[in-house]
Amino acid sequence: MGSIRRRNDKDVLFLDFRFSGARCREQTALPDTPANRKKLQAVLAKLEAEITLGTFEYERYFPNSPQARQFAAAMPQAGGQYPLFRVFVDAWLAQKEPEWRRSHITQIHYMLDHWLL
């Protein structure tokens, strides 16, 4: 869980949170007021939700941060590195079908055909 803190020397707020196992602190230009804390709390809640879902892009929130470049270099790029969902499902089914009963296989195929593929 992240937090909103105040820099003592400048009386401005900064976000303190964890991403990819690292502690991240990003300063804002906002002075420490209840209204600004409320704004940052909403941003922090959205940011943490995206981290939980795995959709967080550091550079979208903090484009000028040195850590944004560091995390962007470490993140895998989408493209040919990952199989398409259909290809993955076919390989997964080939691996798992020998372990399953026919009724379960039928249910899985139904769900895949009607809901996912």
PDB file of N, CA and C in Angstrom:
ATOM      1  N   MET A   1       0.844  -1.175   0.000  1.00  0.00           N
ATOM      2  CA  MET A   1       0.000   0.000   0.000  1.00  0.00           C
ATOM      3  C   MET A   1       0.887   1.235   0.000  1.00  0.00           C
ATOM      4  N   GLY A   2       0.634   2.096  -0.946  1.00  0.00           N
ATOM      5  CA  GLY A   2       1.409   3.319  -1.048  1.00  0.00           C
ATOM      6  C   GLY A   2       0.928   4.379  -0.076  1.00  0.00           C
ATOM      7  N   SER A   3       1.671   5.459  -0.024  1.00  0.00           N
ATOM      8  CA  SER A   3       1.281   6.549   0.865  1.00  0.00           C
ATOM      9  C   SER A   3       1.625   7.887   0.224  1.00  0.00           C
ATOM     10  N   ILE A   4       0.988   8.909   0.759  1.00  0.00           N
ATOM     11  CA  ILE A   4       1.253  10.277   0.340  1.00  0.00           C
ATOM     12  C   ILE A   4       1.997  10.942   1.486  1.00  0.00           C
ATOM     13  N   ARG A   5       3.162  11.487   1.173  1.00  0.00           N
ATOM     14  CA  ARG A   5       3.982  12.077   2.226  1.00  0.00           C
ATOM     15  C   ARG A   5       4.374  13.491   1.837  1.00  0.00           C
ATOM     16  N   ARG A   6       4.899  14.213   2.810  1.00  0.00           N
ATOM     17  CA  ARG A   6       5.293  15.603   2.612  1.00  0.00           C
ATOM     18  C   ARG A   6       6.797  15.734   2.788  1.00  0.00           C
ATOM     19  N   ARG A   7       7.418  16.450   1.857  1.00  0.00           N
ATOM     20  CA  ARG A   7       8.838  16.770   2.019  1.00  0.00           C
ATOM     21  C   ARG A   7       8.952  17.915   2.990  1.00  0.00           C
ATOM     22  N   ASN A   8       9.732  17.726   4.015  1.00  0.00           N
ATOM     23  CA  ASN A   8       9.859  18.756   5.050  1.00  0.00           C
ATOM     24  C   ASN A   8      10.537  20.024   4.556  1.00  0.00           C
ATOM     25  N   ASP A   9      11.515  19.873   3.692  1.00  0.00           N
ATOM     26  CA  ASP A   9      12.274  21.050   3.258  1.00  0.00           C
ATOM     27  C   ASP A   9      11.524  21.935   2.259  1.00  0.00           C
ATOM     28  N   LYS A  10      10.613  21.360   1.464  1.00  0.00           N
ATOM     29  CA  LYS A  10       9.924  22.147   0.436  1.00  0.00           C
ATOM     30  C   LYS A  10       8.420  22.243   0.658  1.00  0.00           C
ATOM     31  N   ASP A  11       7.886  21.506   1.606  1.00  0.00           N
ATOM     32  CA  ASP A  11       6.456  21.508   1.907  1.00  0.00           C
ATOM     33  C   ASP A  11       5.612  21.119   0.689  1.00  0.00           C
ATOM     34  N   VAL A  12       6.107  20.163  -0.105  1.00  0.00           N
ATOM     35  CA  VAL A  12       5.349  19.622  -1.233  1.00  0.00           C
ATOM     36  C   VAL A  12       5.102  18.137  -0.989  1.00  0.00           C
ATOM     37  N   LEU A  13       4.116  17.596  -1.688  1.00  0.00           N
ATOM     38  CA  LEU A  13       3.738  16.198  -1.504  1.00  0.00           C
ATOM     39  C   LEU A  13       4.481  15.296  -2.482  1.00  0.00           C
ATOM     40  N   PHE A  14       4.677  14.048  -2.066  1.00  0.00           N
ATOM     41  CA  PHE A  14       5.212  13.044  -2.977  1.00  0.00           C
ATOM     42  C   PHE A  14       4.527  11.712  -2.717  1.00  0.00           C
ATOM     43  N   LEU A  15       4.511  10.873  -3.749  1.00  0.00           N
ATOM     44  CA  LEU A  15       3.932   9.534  -3.664  1.00  0.00           C
ATOM     45  C   LEU A  15       5.033   8.551  -3.301  1.00  0.00           C
ATOM     46  N   ASP A  16       4.718   7.637  -2.421  1.00  0.00           N
ATOM     47  CA  ASP A  16       5.657   6.614  -1.975  1.00  0.00           C
ATOM     48  C   ASP A  16       4.949   5.279  -2.144  1.00  0.00           C
ATOM     49  N   PHE A  17       5.433   4.437  -3.095  1.00  0.00           N
ATOM     50  CA  PHE A  17       4.768   3.162  -3.383  1.00  0.00           C
ATOM     51  C   PHE A  17       5.796   2.149  -3.857  1.00  0.00           C
ATOM     52  N   ARG A  18       5.351   0.906  -4.041  1.00  0.00           N
ATOM     53  CA  ARG A  18       6.236  -0.158  -4.502  1.00  0.00           C
ATOM     54  C   ARG A  18       5.767  -0.638  -5.868  1.00  0.00           C
ATOM     55  N   PHE A  19       6.749  -0.853  -6.762  1.00  0.00           N
ATOM     56  CA  PHE A  19       6.468  -1.367  -8.101  1.00  0.00           C
ATOM     57  C   PHE A  19       7.605  -2.280  -8.519  1.00  0.00           C
ATOM     58  N   SER A  20       7.287  -3.456  -8.960  1.00  0.00           N
ATOM     59  CA  SER A  20       8.279  -4.450  -9.395  1.00  0.00           C
ATOM     60  C   SER A  20       9.334  -4.707  -8.332  1.00  0.00           C
ATOM     61  N   GLY A  21       8.911  -4.744  -7.083  1.00  0.00           N
ATOM     62  CA  GLY A  21       9.815  -5.043  -5.985  1.00  0.00           C
ATOM     63  C   GLY A  21      10.696  -3.886  -5.551  1.00  0.00           C
ATOM     64  N   ALA A  22      10.511  -2.728  -6.150  1.00  0.00           N
ATOM     65  CA  ALA A  22      11.336  -1.566  -5.804  1.00  0.00           C
ATOM     66  C   ALA A  22      10.481  -0.483  -5.154  1.00  0.00           C
ATOM     67  N   ARG A  23      11.081   0.227  -4.227  1.00  0.00           N
ATOM     68  CA  ARG A  23      10.397   1.354  -3.605  1.00  0.00           C
ATOM     69  C   ARG A  23      10.518   2.554  -4.541  1.00  0.00           C
ATOM     70  N   CYS A  24       9.398   3.171  -4.821  1.00  0.00           N
ATOM     71  CA  CYS A  24       9.363   4.308  -5.736  1.00  0.00           C
ATOM     72  C   CYS A  24       8.831   5.527  -5.002  1.00  0.00           C
ATOM     73  N   ARG A  25       9.527   6.632  -5.164  1.00  0.00           N
ATOM     74  CA  ARG A  25       9.097   7.904  -4.579  1.00  0.00           C
ATOM     75  C   ARG A  25       9.118   8.943  -5.686  1.00  0.00           C
ATOM     76  N   GLU A  26       7.940   9.490  -5.965  1.00  0.00           N
ATOM     77  CA  GLU A  26       7.826  10.488  -7.025  1.00  0.00           C
ATOM     78  C   GLU A  26       7.274  11.784  -6.447  1.00  0.00           C
ATOM     79  N   GLN A  27       8.031  12.841  -6.609  1.00  0.00           N
ATOM     80  CA  GLN A  27       7.658  14.143  -6.062  1.00  0.00           C
ATOM     81  C   GLN A  27       6.676  14.843  -6.986  1.00  0.00           C
ATOM     82  N   THR A  28       5.775  15.607  -6.385  1.00  0.00           N
ATOM     83  CA  THR A  28       4.861  16.462  -7.138  1.00  0.00           C
ATOM     84  C   THR A  28       5.207  17.917  -6.837  1.00  0.00           C
ATOM     85  N   ALA A  29       4.558  18.821  -7.543  1.00  0.00           N
ATOM     86  CA  ALA A  29       4.729  20.252  -7.273  1.00  0.00           C
ATOM     87  C   ALA A  29       3.586  20.768  -6.414  1.00  0.00           C
ATOM     88  N   LEU A  30       2.757  19.865  -5.910  1.00  0.00           N
ATOM     89  CA  LEU A  30       1.572  20.256  -5.144  1.00  0.00           C
ATOM     90  C   LEU A  30       1.933  20.567  -3.697  1.00  0.00           C
ATOM     91  N   PRO A  31       1.491  21.705  -3.196  1.00  0.00           N
ATOM     92  CA  PRO A  31       1.713  21.998  -1.773  1.00  0.00           C
ATOM     93  C   PRO A  31       0.845  21.101  -0.900  1.00  0.00           C
ATOM     94  N   ASP A  32       1.233  20.942   0.334  1.00  0.00           N
ATOM     95  CA  ASP A  32       0.525  20.060   1.260  1.00  0.00           C
ATOM     96  C   ASP A  32      -0.761  20.729   1.756  1.00  0.00           C
ATOM     97  N   THR A  33      -1.875  20.408   1.076  1.00  0.00           N
ATOM     98  CA  THR A  33      -3.198  20.882   1.494  1.00  0.00           C
ATOM     99  C   THR A  33      -4.140  19.688   1.500  1.00  0.00           C
ATOM    100  N   PRO A  34      -5.239  19.745   2.241  1.00  0.00           N
ATOM    101  CA  PRO A  34      -6.199  18.633   2.241  1.00  0.00           C
ATOM    102  C   PRO A  34      -6.753  18.325   0.842  1.00  0.00           C
ATOM    103  N   ALA A  35      -6.996  19.352   0.040  1.00  0.00           N
ATOM    104  CA  ALA A  35      -7.520  19.137  -1.314  1.00  0.00           C
ATOM    105  C   ALA A  35      -6.501  18.399  -2.186  1.00  0.00           C
ATOM    106  N   ASN A  36      -5.236  18.781  -2.091  1.00  0.00           N
ATOM    107  CA  ASN A  36      -4.198  18.117  -2.879  1.00  0.00           C
ATOM    108  C   ASN A  36      -3.963  16.692  -2.405  1.00  0.00           C
ATOM    109  N   ARG A  37      -4.049  16.463  -1.116  1.00  0.00           N
ATOM    110  CA  ARG A  37      -3.928  15.096  -0.603  1.00  0.00           C
ATOM    111  C   ARG A  37      -5.055  14.217  -1.147  1.00  0.00           C
ATOM    112  N   LYS A  38      -6.262  14.781  -1.218  1.00  0.00           N
ATOM    113  CA  LYS A  38      -7.408  14.029  -1.736  1.00  0.00           C
ATOM    114  C   LYS A  38      -7.200  13.690  -3.215  1.00  0.00           C
ATOM    115  N   LYS A  39      -6.694  14.650  -3.999  1.00  0.00           N
ATOM    116  CA  LYS A  39      -6.406  14.408  -5.414  1.00  0.00           C
ATOM    117  C   LYS A  39      -5.366  13.302  -5.570  1.00  0.00           C
ATOM    118  N   LEU A  40      -4.307  13.401  -4.792  1.00  0.00           N
ATOM    119  CA  LEU A  40      -3.247  12.398  -4.890  1.00  0.00           C
ATOM    120  C   LEU A  40      -3.707  11.032  -4.399  1.00  0.00           C
ATOM    121  N   GLN A  41      -4.626  11.006  -3.442  1.00  0.00           N
ATOM    122  CA  GLN A  41      -5.153   9.724  -2.969  1.00  0.00           C
ATOM    123  C   GLN A  41      -5.897   9.011  -4.096  1.00  0.00           C
ATOM    124  N   ALA A  42      -6.647   9.761  -4.909  1.00  0.00           N
ATOM    125  CA  ALA A  42      -7.345   9.171  -6.052  1.00  0.00           C
ATOM    126  C   ALA A  42      -6.346   8.648  -7.084  1.00  0.00           C
ATOM    127  N   VAL A  43      -5.304   9.422  -7.349  1.00  0.00           N
ATOM    128  CA  VAL A  43      -4.267   8.984  -8.290  1.00  0.00           C
ATOM    129  C   VAL A  43      -3.571   7.735  -7.767  1.00  0.00           C
ATOM    130  N   LEU A  44      -3.256   7.724  -6.490  1.00  0.00           N
ATOM    131  CA  LEU A  44      -2.576   6.581  -5.884  1.00  0.00           C
ATOM    132  C   LEU A  44      -3.450   5.329  -5.928  1.00  0.00           C
ATOM    133  N   ALA A  45      -4.746   5.476  -5.699  1.00  0.00           N
ATOM    134  CA  ALA A  45      -5.654   4.327  -5.756  1.00  0.00           C
ATOM    135  C   ALA A  45      -5.694   3.745  -7.168  1.00  0.00           C
ATOM    136  N   LYS A  46      -5.765   4.599  -8.170  1.00  0.00           N
ATOM    137  CA  LYS A  46      -5.781   4.131  -9.561  1.00  0.00           C
ATOM    138  C   LYS A  46      -4.453   3.473  -9.921  1.00  0.00           C
ATOM    139  N   LEU A  47      -3.370   4.090  -9.523  1.00  0.00           N
ATOM    140  CA  LEU A  47      -2.032   3.571  -9.778  1.00  0.00           C
ATOM    141  C   LEU A  47      -1.865   2.174  -9.167  1.00  0.00           C
ATOM    142  N   GLU A  48      -2.285   2.006  -7.917  1.00  0.00           N
ATOM    143  CA  GLU A  48      -2.148   0.710  -7.250  1.00  0.00           C
ATOM    144  C   GLU A  48      -3.067  -0.340  -7.864  1.00  0.00           C
ATOM    145  N   ALA A  49      -4.243   0.072  -8.336  1.00  0.00           N
ATOM    146  CA  ALA A  49      -5.133  -0.874  -9.011  1.00  0.00           C
ATOM    147  C   ALA A  49      -4.485  -1.379 -10.296  1.00  0.00           C
ATOM    148  N   GLU A  50      -3.855  -0.487 -11.047  1.00  0.00           N
ATOM    149  CA  GLU A  50      -3.172  -0.897 -12.269  1.00  0.00           C
ATOM    150  C   GLU A  50      -1.974  -1.794 -11.966  1.00  0.00           C
ATOM    151  N   ILE A  51      -1.270  -1.525 -10.885  1.00  0.00           N
ATOM    152  CA  ILE A  51      -0.151  -2.392 -10.500  1.00  0.00           C
ATOM    153  C   ILE A  51      -0.674  -3.788 -10.192  1.00  0.00           C
ATOM    154  N   THR A  52      -1.779  -3.862  -9.465  1.00  0.00           N
ATOM    155  CA  THR A  52      -2.375  -5.152  -9.122  1.00  0.00           C
ATOM    156  C   THR A  52      -2.817  -5.905 -10.371  1.00  0.00           C
ATOM    157  N   LEU A  53      -3.397  -5.200 -11.329  1.00  0.00           N
ATOM    158  CA  LEU A  53      -3.875  -5.827 -12.562  1.00  0.00           C
ATOM    159  C   LEU A  53      -2.753  -6.127 -13.548  1.00  0.00           C
ATOM    160  N   GLY A  54      -1.586  -5.555 -13.307  1.00  0.00           N
ATOM    161  CA  GLY A  54      -0.461  -5.775 -14.211  1.00  0.00           C
ATOM    162  C   GLY A  54      -0.489  -4.881 -15.441  1.00  0.00           C
ATOM    163  N   THR A  55      -1.245  -3.799 -15.406  1.00  0.00           N
ATOM    164  CA  THR A  55      -1.348  -2.898 -16.553  1.00  0.00           C
ATOM    165  C   THR A  55      -0.659  -1.559 -16.314  1.00  0.00           C
ATOM    166  N   PHE A  56       0.051  -1.430 -15.218  1.00  0.00           N
ATOM    167  CA  PHE A  56       0.679  -0.157 -14.861  1.00  0.00           C
ATOM    168  C   PHE A  56       1.848   0.140 -15.782  1.00  0.00           C
ATOM    169  N   GLU A  57       1.867   1.354 -16.333  1.00  0.00           N
ATOM    170  CA  GLU A  57       2.974   1.833 -17.152  1.00  0.00           C
ATOM    171  C   GLU A  57       3.566   3.055 -16.448  1.00  0.00           C
ATOM    172  N   TYR A  58       4.739   2.884 -15.922  1.00  0.00           N
ATOM    173  CA  TYR A  58       5.374   3.920 -15.100  1.00  0.00           C
ATOM    174  C   TYR A  58       5.497   5.242 -15.849  1.00  0.00           C
ATOM    175  N   GLU A  59       5.914   5.170 -17.115  1.00  0.00           N
ATOM    176  CA  GLU A  59       6.152   6.401 -17.870  1.00  0.00           C
ATOM    177  C   GLU A  59       4.868   7.163 -18.187  1.00  0.00           C
ATOM    178  N   ARG A  60       3.714   6.507 -18.116  1.00  0.00           N
ATOM    179  CA  ARG A  60       2.456   7.213 -18.343  1.00  0.00           C
ATOM    180  C   ARG A  60       2.124   8.130 -17.165  1.00  0.00           C
ATOM    181  N   TYR A  61       2.445   7.696 -15.962  1.00  0.00           N
ATOM    182  CA  TYR A  61       2.196   8.508 -14.772  1.00  0.00           C
ATOM    183  C   TYR A  61       3.318   9.509 -14.507  1.00  0.00           C
ATOM    184  N   PHE A  62       4.547   9.078 -14.749  1.00  0.00           N
ATOM    185  CA  PHE A  62       5.712   9.912 -14.433  1.00  0.00           C
ATOM    186  C   PHE A  62       6.644   9.959 -15.647  1.00  0.00           C
ATOM    187  N   PRO A  63       6.281  10.714 -16.687  1.00  0.00           N
ATOM    188  CA  PRO A  63       7.057  10.682 -17.933  1.00  0.00           C
ATOM    189  C   PRO A  63       8.474  11.237 -17.819  1.00  0.00           C
ATOM    190  N   ASN A  64       8.737  12.128 -16.894  1.00  0.00           N
ATOM    191  CA  ASN A  64      10.069  12.731 -16.780  1.00  0.00           C
ATOM    192  C   ASN A  64      10.934  12.089 -15.708  1.00  0.00           C
ATOM    193  N   SER A  65      10.477  11.006 -15.145  1.00  0.00           N
ATOM    194  CA  SER A  65      11.211  10.365 -14.061  1.00  0.00           C
ATOM    195  C   SER A  65      12.348   9.488 -14.590  1.00  0.00           C
ATOM    196  N   PRO A  66      13.509   9.522 -13.948  1.00  0.00           N
ATOM    197  CA  PRO A  66      14.581   8.599 -14.326  1.00  0.00           C
ATOM    198  C   PRO A  66      14.168   7.140 -14.118  1.00  0.00           C
ATOM    199  N   GLN A  67      13.329   6.901 -13.115  1.00  0.00           N
ATOM    200  CA  GLN A  67      12.870   5.530 -12.880  1.00  0.00           C
ATOM    201  C   GLN A  67      11.970   5.043 -14.003  1.00  0.00           C
ATOM    202  N   ALA A  68      11.265   5.943 -14.687  1.00  0.00           N
ATOM    203  CA  ALA A  68      10.406   5.546 -15.803  1.00  0.00           C
ATOM    204  C   ALA A  68      11.244   4.905 -16.900  1.00  0.00           C
ATOM    205  N   ARG A  69      12.364   5.507 -17.220  1.00  0.00           N
ATOM    206  CA  ARG A  69      13.257   4.941 -18.241  1.00  0.00           C
ATOM    207  C   ARG A  69      13.838   3.613 -17.773  1.00  0.00           C
ATOM    208  N   GLN A  70      14.145   3.530 -16.500  1.00  0.00           N
ATOM    209  CA  GLN A  70      14.713   2.304 -15.943  1.00  0.00           C
ATOM    210  C   GLN A  70      13.701   1.158 -16.022  1.00  0.00           C
ATOM    211  N   PHE A  71      12.451   1.418 -15.630  1.00  0.00           N
ATOM    212  CA  PHE A  71      11.425   0.382 -15.679  1.00  0.00           C
ATOM    213  C   PHE A  71      11.046   0.042 -17.111  1.00  0.00           C
ATOM    214  N   ALA A  72      11.031   1.020 -18.002  1.00  0.00           N
ATOM    215  CA  ALA A  72      10.689   0.762 -19.403  1.00  0.00           C
ATOM    216  C   ALA A  72      11.716  -0.172 -20.037  1.00  0.00           C
ATOM    217  N   ALA A  73      12.974  -0.005 -19.686  1.00  0.00           N
ATOM    218  CA  ALA A  73      14.023  -0.872 -20.229  1.00  0.00           C
ATOM    219  C   ALA A  73      13.908  -2.290 -19.689  1.00  0.00           C
ATOM    220  N   ALA A  74      13.409  -2.431 -18.470  1.00  0.00           N
ATOM    221  CA  ALA A  74      13.317  -3.749 -17.848  1.00  0.00           C
ATOM    222  C   ALA A  74      12.044  -4.503 -18.229  1.00  0.00           C
ATOM    223  N   MET A  75      11.011  -3.786 -18.705  1.00  0.00           N
ATOM    224  CA  MET A  75       9.741  -4.430 -19.025  1.00  0.00           C
ATOM    225  C   MET A  75       9.835  -5.130 -20.373  1.00  0.00           C
ATOM    226  N   PRO A  76       9.242  -6.335 -20.493  1.00  0.00           N
ATOM    227  CA  PRO A  76       9.249  -7.019 -21.786  1.00  0.00           C
ATOM    228  C   PRO A  76       8.354  -6.285 -22.779  1.00  0.00           C
ATOM    229  N   GLN A  77       8.768  -6.281 -24.021  1.00  0.00           N
ATOM    230  CA  GLN A  77       7.998  -5.616 -25.066  1.00  0.00           C
ATOM    231  C   GLN A  77       7.006  -6.601 -25.668  1.00  0.00           C
ATOM    232  N   ALA A  78       5.811  -6.108 -25.945  1.00  0.00           N
ATOM    233  CA  ALA A  78       4.793  -6.947 -26.580  1.00  0.00           C
ATOM    234  C   ALA A  78       5.217  -7.214 -28.015  1.00  0.00           C
ATOM    235  N   GLY A  79       4.752  -8.304 -28.542  1.00  0.00           N
ATOM    236  CA  GLY A  79       5.079  -8.618 -29.921  1.00  0.00           C
ATOM    237  C   GLY A  79       5.262 -10.107 -30.079  1.00  0.00           C
ATOM    238  N   GLY A  80       6.244 -10.503 -30.852  1.00  0.00           N
ATOM    239  CA  GLY A  80       6.467 -11.897 -31.159  1.00  0.00           C
ATOM    240  C   GLY A  80       6.974 -12.719 -29.989  1.00  0.00           C
ATOM    241  N   GLN A  81       7.248 -12.096 -28.888  1.00  0.00           N
ATOM    242  CA  GLN A  81       7.797 -12.801 -27.738  1.00  0.00           C
ATOM    243  C   GLN A  81       6.754 -13.690 -27.067  1.00  0.00           C
ATOM    244  N   TYR A  82       5.482 -13.311 -27.141  1.00  0.00           N
ATOM    245  CA  TYR A  82       4.423 -14.056 -26.476  1.00  0.00           C
ATOM    246  C   TYR A  82       3.496 -14.677 -27.514  1.00  0.00           C
ATOM    247  N   PRO A  83       3.032 -15.908 -27.272  1.00  0.00           N
ATOM    248  CA  PRO A  83       2.133 -16.535 -28.250  1.00  0.00           C
ATOM    249  C   PRO A  83       0.749 -15.897 -28.210  1.00  0.00           C
ATOM    250  N   LEU A  84       0.036 -15.999 -29.314  1.00  0.00           N
ATOM    251  CA  LEU A  84      -1.350 -15.573 -29.336  1.00  0.00           C
ATOM    252  C   LEU A  84      -2.159 -16.471 -28.415  1.00  0.00           C
ATOM    253  N   PHE A  85      -3.278 -15.954 -27.942  1.00  0.00           N
ATOM    254  CA  PHE A  85      -4.094 -16.715 -27.004  1.00  0.00           C
ATOM    255  C   PHE A  85      -4.528 -18.046 -27.612  1.00  0.00           C
ATOM    256  N   ARG A  86      -4.929 -18.043 -28.878  1.00  0.00           N
ATOM    257  CA  ARG A  86      -5.384 -19.269 -29.549  1.00  0.00           C
ATOM    258  C   ARG A  86      -4.263 -20.309 -29.571  1.00  0.00           C
ATOM    259  N   VAL A  87      -3.057 -19.903 -29.878  1.00  0.00           N
ATOM    260  CA  VAL A  87      -1.916 -20.821 -29.928  1.00  0.00           C
ATOM    261  C   VAL A  87      -1.631 -21.375 -28.538  1.00  0.00           C
ATOM    262  N   PHE A  88      -1.687 -20.515 -27.537  1.00  0.00           N
ATOM    263  CA  PHE A  88      -1.462 -20.962 -26.168  1.00  0.00           C
ATOM    264  C   PHE A  88      -2.528 -21.966 -25.741  1.00  0.00           C
ATOM    265  N   VAL A  89      -3.788 -21.680 -26.047  1.00  0.00           N
ATOM    266  CA  VAL A  89      -4.887 -22.576 -25.662  1.00  0.00           C
ATOM    267  C   VAL A  89      -4.721 -23.933 -26.324  1.00  0.00           C
ATOM    268  N   ASP A  90      -4.364 -23.953 -27.600  1.00  0.00           N
ATOM    269  CA  ASP A  90      -4.181 -25.231 -28.292  1.00  0.00           C
ATOM    270  C   ASP A  90      -3.078 -26.064 -27.640  1.00  0.00           C
ATOM    271  N   ALA A  91      -1.975 -25.432 -27.286  1.00  0.00           N
ATOM    272  CA  ALA A  91      -0.880 -26.155 -26.629  1.00  0.00           C
ATOM    273  C   ALA A  91      -1.293 -26.621 -25.239  1.00  0.00           C
ATOM    274  N   TRP A  92      -2.011 -25.772 -24.519  1.00  0.00           N
ATOM    275  CA  TRP A  92      -2.475 -26.116 -23.176  1.00  0.00           C
ATOM    276  C   TRP A  92      -3.449 -27.288 -23.223  1.00  0.00           C
ATOM    277  N   LEU A  93      -4.377 -27.268 -24.173  1.00  0.00           N
ATOM    278  CA  LEU A  93      -5.336 -28.371 -24.302  1.00  0.00           C
ATOM    279  C   LEU A  93      -4.630 -29.676 -24.644  1.00  0.00           C
ATOM    280  N   ALA A  94      -3.675 -29.622 -25.548  1.00  0.00           N
ATOM    281  CA  ALA A  94      -2.942 -30.831 -25.915  1.00  0.00           C
ATOM    282  C   ALA A  94      -2.217 -31.424 -24.709  1.00  0.00           C
ATOM    283  N   GLN A  95      -1.759 -30.573 -23.822  1.00  0.00           N
ATOM    284  CA  GLN A  95      -1.052 -31.034 -22.633  1.00  0.00           C
ATOM    285  C   GLN A  95      -2.009 -31.563 -21.568  1.00  0.00           C
ATOM    286  N   LYS A  96      -3.155 -30.923 -21.392  1.00  0.00           N
ATOM    287  CA  LYS A  96      -4.049 -31.251 -20.281  1.00  0.00           C
ATOM    288  C   LYS A  96      -5.119 -32.292 -20.604  1.00  0.00           C
ATOM    289  N   GLU A  97      -5.542 -32.423 -21.864  1.00  0.00           N
ATOM    290  CA  GLU A  97      -6.651 -33.319 -22.191  1.00  0.00           C
ATOM    291  C   GLU A  97      -6.434 -34.769 -21.751  1.00  0.00           C
ATOM    292  N   PRO A  98      -5.222 -35.313 -21.832  1.00  0.00           N
ATOM    293  CA  PRO A  98      -5.055 -36.697 -21.356  1.00  0.00           C
ATOM    294  C   PRO A  98      -5.359 -36.875 -19.864  1.00  0.00           C
ATOM    295  N   GLU A  99      -5.277 -35.816 -19.086  1.00  0.00           N
ATOM    296  CA  GLU A  99      -5.530 -35.894 -17.647  1.00  0.00           C
ATOM    297  C   GLU A  99      -7.010 -35.748 -17.297  1.00  0.00           C
ATOM    298  N   TRP A 100      -7.822 -35.244 -18.215  1.00  0.00           N
ATOM    299  CA  TRP A 100      -9.205 -34.889 -17.912  1.00  0.00           C
ATOM    300  C   TRP A 100     -10.192 -35.939 -18.396  1.00  0.00           C
ATOM    301  N   ARG A 101     -11.354 -35.943 -17.767  1.00  0.00           N
ATOM    302  CA  ARG A 101     -12.469 -36.774 -18.230  1.00  0.00           C
ATOM    303  C   ARG A 101     -13.102 -36.125 -19.456  1.00  0.00           C
ATOM    304  N   ARG A 102     -13.842 -36.928 -20.221  1.00  0.00           N
ATOM    305  CA  ARG A 102     -14.479 -36.401 -21.432  1.00  0.00           C
ATOM    306  C   ARG A 102     -15.469 -35.289 -21.113  1.00  0.00           C
ATOM    307  N   SER A 103     -16.215 -35.450 -20.027  1.00  0.00           N
ATOM    308  CA  SER A 103     -17.202 -34.421 -19.681  1.00  0.00           C
ATOM    309  C   SER A 103     -16.515 -33.082 -19.376  1.00  0.00           C
ATOM    310  N   HIS A 104     -15.380 -33.148 -18.730  1.00  0.00           N
ATOM    311  CA  HIS A 104     -14.647 -31.917 -18.423  1.00  0.00           C
ATOM    312  C   HIS A 104     -14.080 -31.295 -19.705  1.00  0.00           C
ATOM    313  N   ILE A 105     -13.569 -32.126 -20.581  1.00  0.00           N
ATOM    314  CA  ILE A 105     -13.047 -31.637 -21.858  1.00  0.00           C
ATOM    315  C   ILE A 105     -14.150 -30.939 -22.646  1.00  0.00           C
ATOM    316  N   THR A 106     -15.344 -31.534 -22.642  1.00  0.00           N
ATOM    317  CA  THR A 106     -16.484 -30.935 -23.342  1.00  0.00           C
ATOM    318  C   THR A 106     -16.821 -29.575 -22.753  1.00  0.00           C
ATOM    319  N   GLN A 107     -16.828 -29.472 -21.435  1.00  0.00           N
ATOM    320  CA  GLN A 107     -17.118 -28.190 -20.785  1.00  0.00           C
ATOM    321  C   GLN A 107     -16.059 -27.135 -21.116  1.00  0.00           C
ATOM    322  N   ILE A 108     -14.818 -27.523 -21.085  1.00  0.00           N
ATOM    323  CA  ILE A 108     -13.736 -26.587 -21.394  1.00  0.00           C
ATOM    324  C   ILE A 108     -13.857 -26.083 -22.831  1.00  0.00           C
ATOM    325  N   HIS A 109     -14.093 -26.996 -23.772  1.00  0.00           N
ATOM    326  CA  HIS A 109     -14.247 -26.588 -25.169  1.00  0.00           C
ATOM    327  C   HIS A 109     -15.445 -25.655 -25.339  1.00  0.00           C
ATOM    328  N   TYR A 110     -16.539 -25.949 -24.654  1.00  0.00           N
ATOM    329  CA  TYR A 110     -17.717 -25.087 -24.732  1.00  0.00           C
ATOM    330  C   TYR A 110     -17.379 -23.676 -24.242  1.00  0.00           C
ATOM    331  N   MET A 111     -16.738 -23.586 -23.079  1.00  0.00           N
ATOM    332  CA  MET A 111     -16.388 -22.270 -22.532  1.00  0.00           C
ATOM    333  C   MET A 111     -15.439 -21.510 -23.460  1.00  0.00           C
ATOM    334  N   LEU A 112     -14.443 -22.213 -23.971  1.00  0.00           N
ATOM    335  CA  LEU A 112     -13.492 -21.553 -24.861  1.00  0.00           C
ATOM    336  C   LEU A 112     -14.170 -21.060 -26.136  1.00  0.00           C
ATOM    337  N   ASP A 113     -14.991 -21.919 -26.747  1.00  0.00           N
ATOM    338  CA  ASP A 113     -15.623 -21.559 -28.018  1.00  0.00           C
ATOM    339  C   ASP A 113     -16.654 -20.448 -27.872  1.00  0.00           C
ATOM    340  N   HIS A 114     -17.392 -20.461 -26.774  1.00  0.00           N
ATOM    341  CA  HIS A 114     -18.476 -19.496 -26.622  1.00  0.00           C
ATOM    342  C   HIS A 114     -18.082 -18.218 -25.887  1.00  0.00           C
ATOM    343  N   TRP A 115     -17.044 -18.251 -25.096  1.00  0.00           N
ATOM    344  CA  TRP A 115     -16.733 -17.085 -24.273  1.00  0.00           C
ATOM    345  C   TRP A 115     -15.357 -16.478 -24.523  1.00  0.00           C
ATOM    346  N   LEU A 116     -14.395 -17.273 -24.897  1.00  0.00           N
ATOM    347  CA  LEU A 116     -13.029 -16.750 -24.945  1.00  0.00           C
ATOM    348  C   LEU A 116     -12.418 -16.656 -26.340  1.00  0.00           C
ATOM    349  N   LEU A 117     -12.766 -17.560 -27.231  1.00  0.00           N
ATOM    350  CA  LEU A 117     -12.124 -17.546 -28.559  1.00  0.00           C
ATOM    351  C   LEU A 117     -13.027 -16.983 -29.625  1.00  0.00           C
TER     352      LEU A 117
END
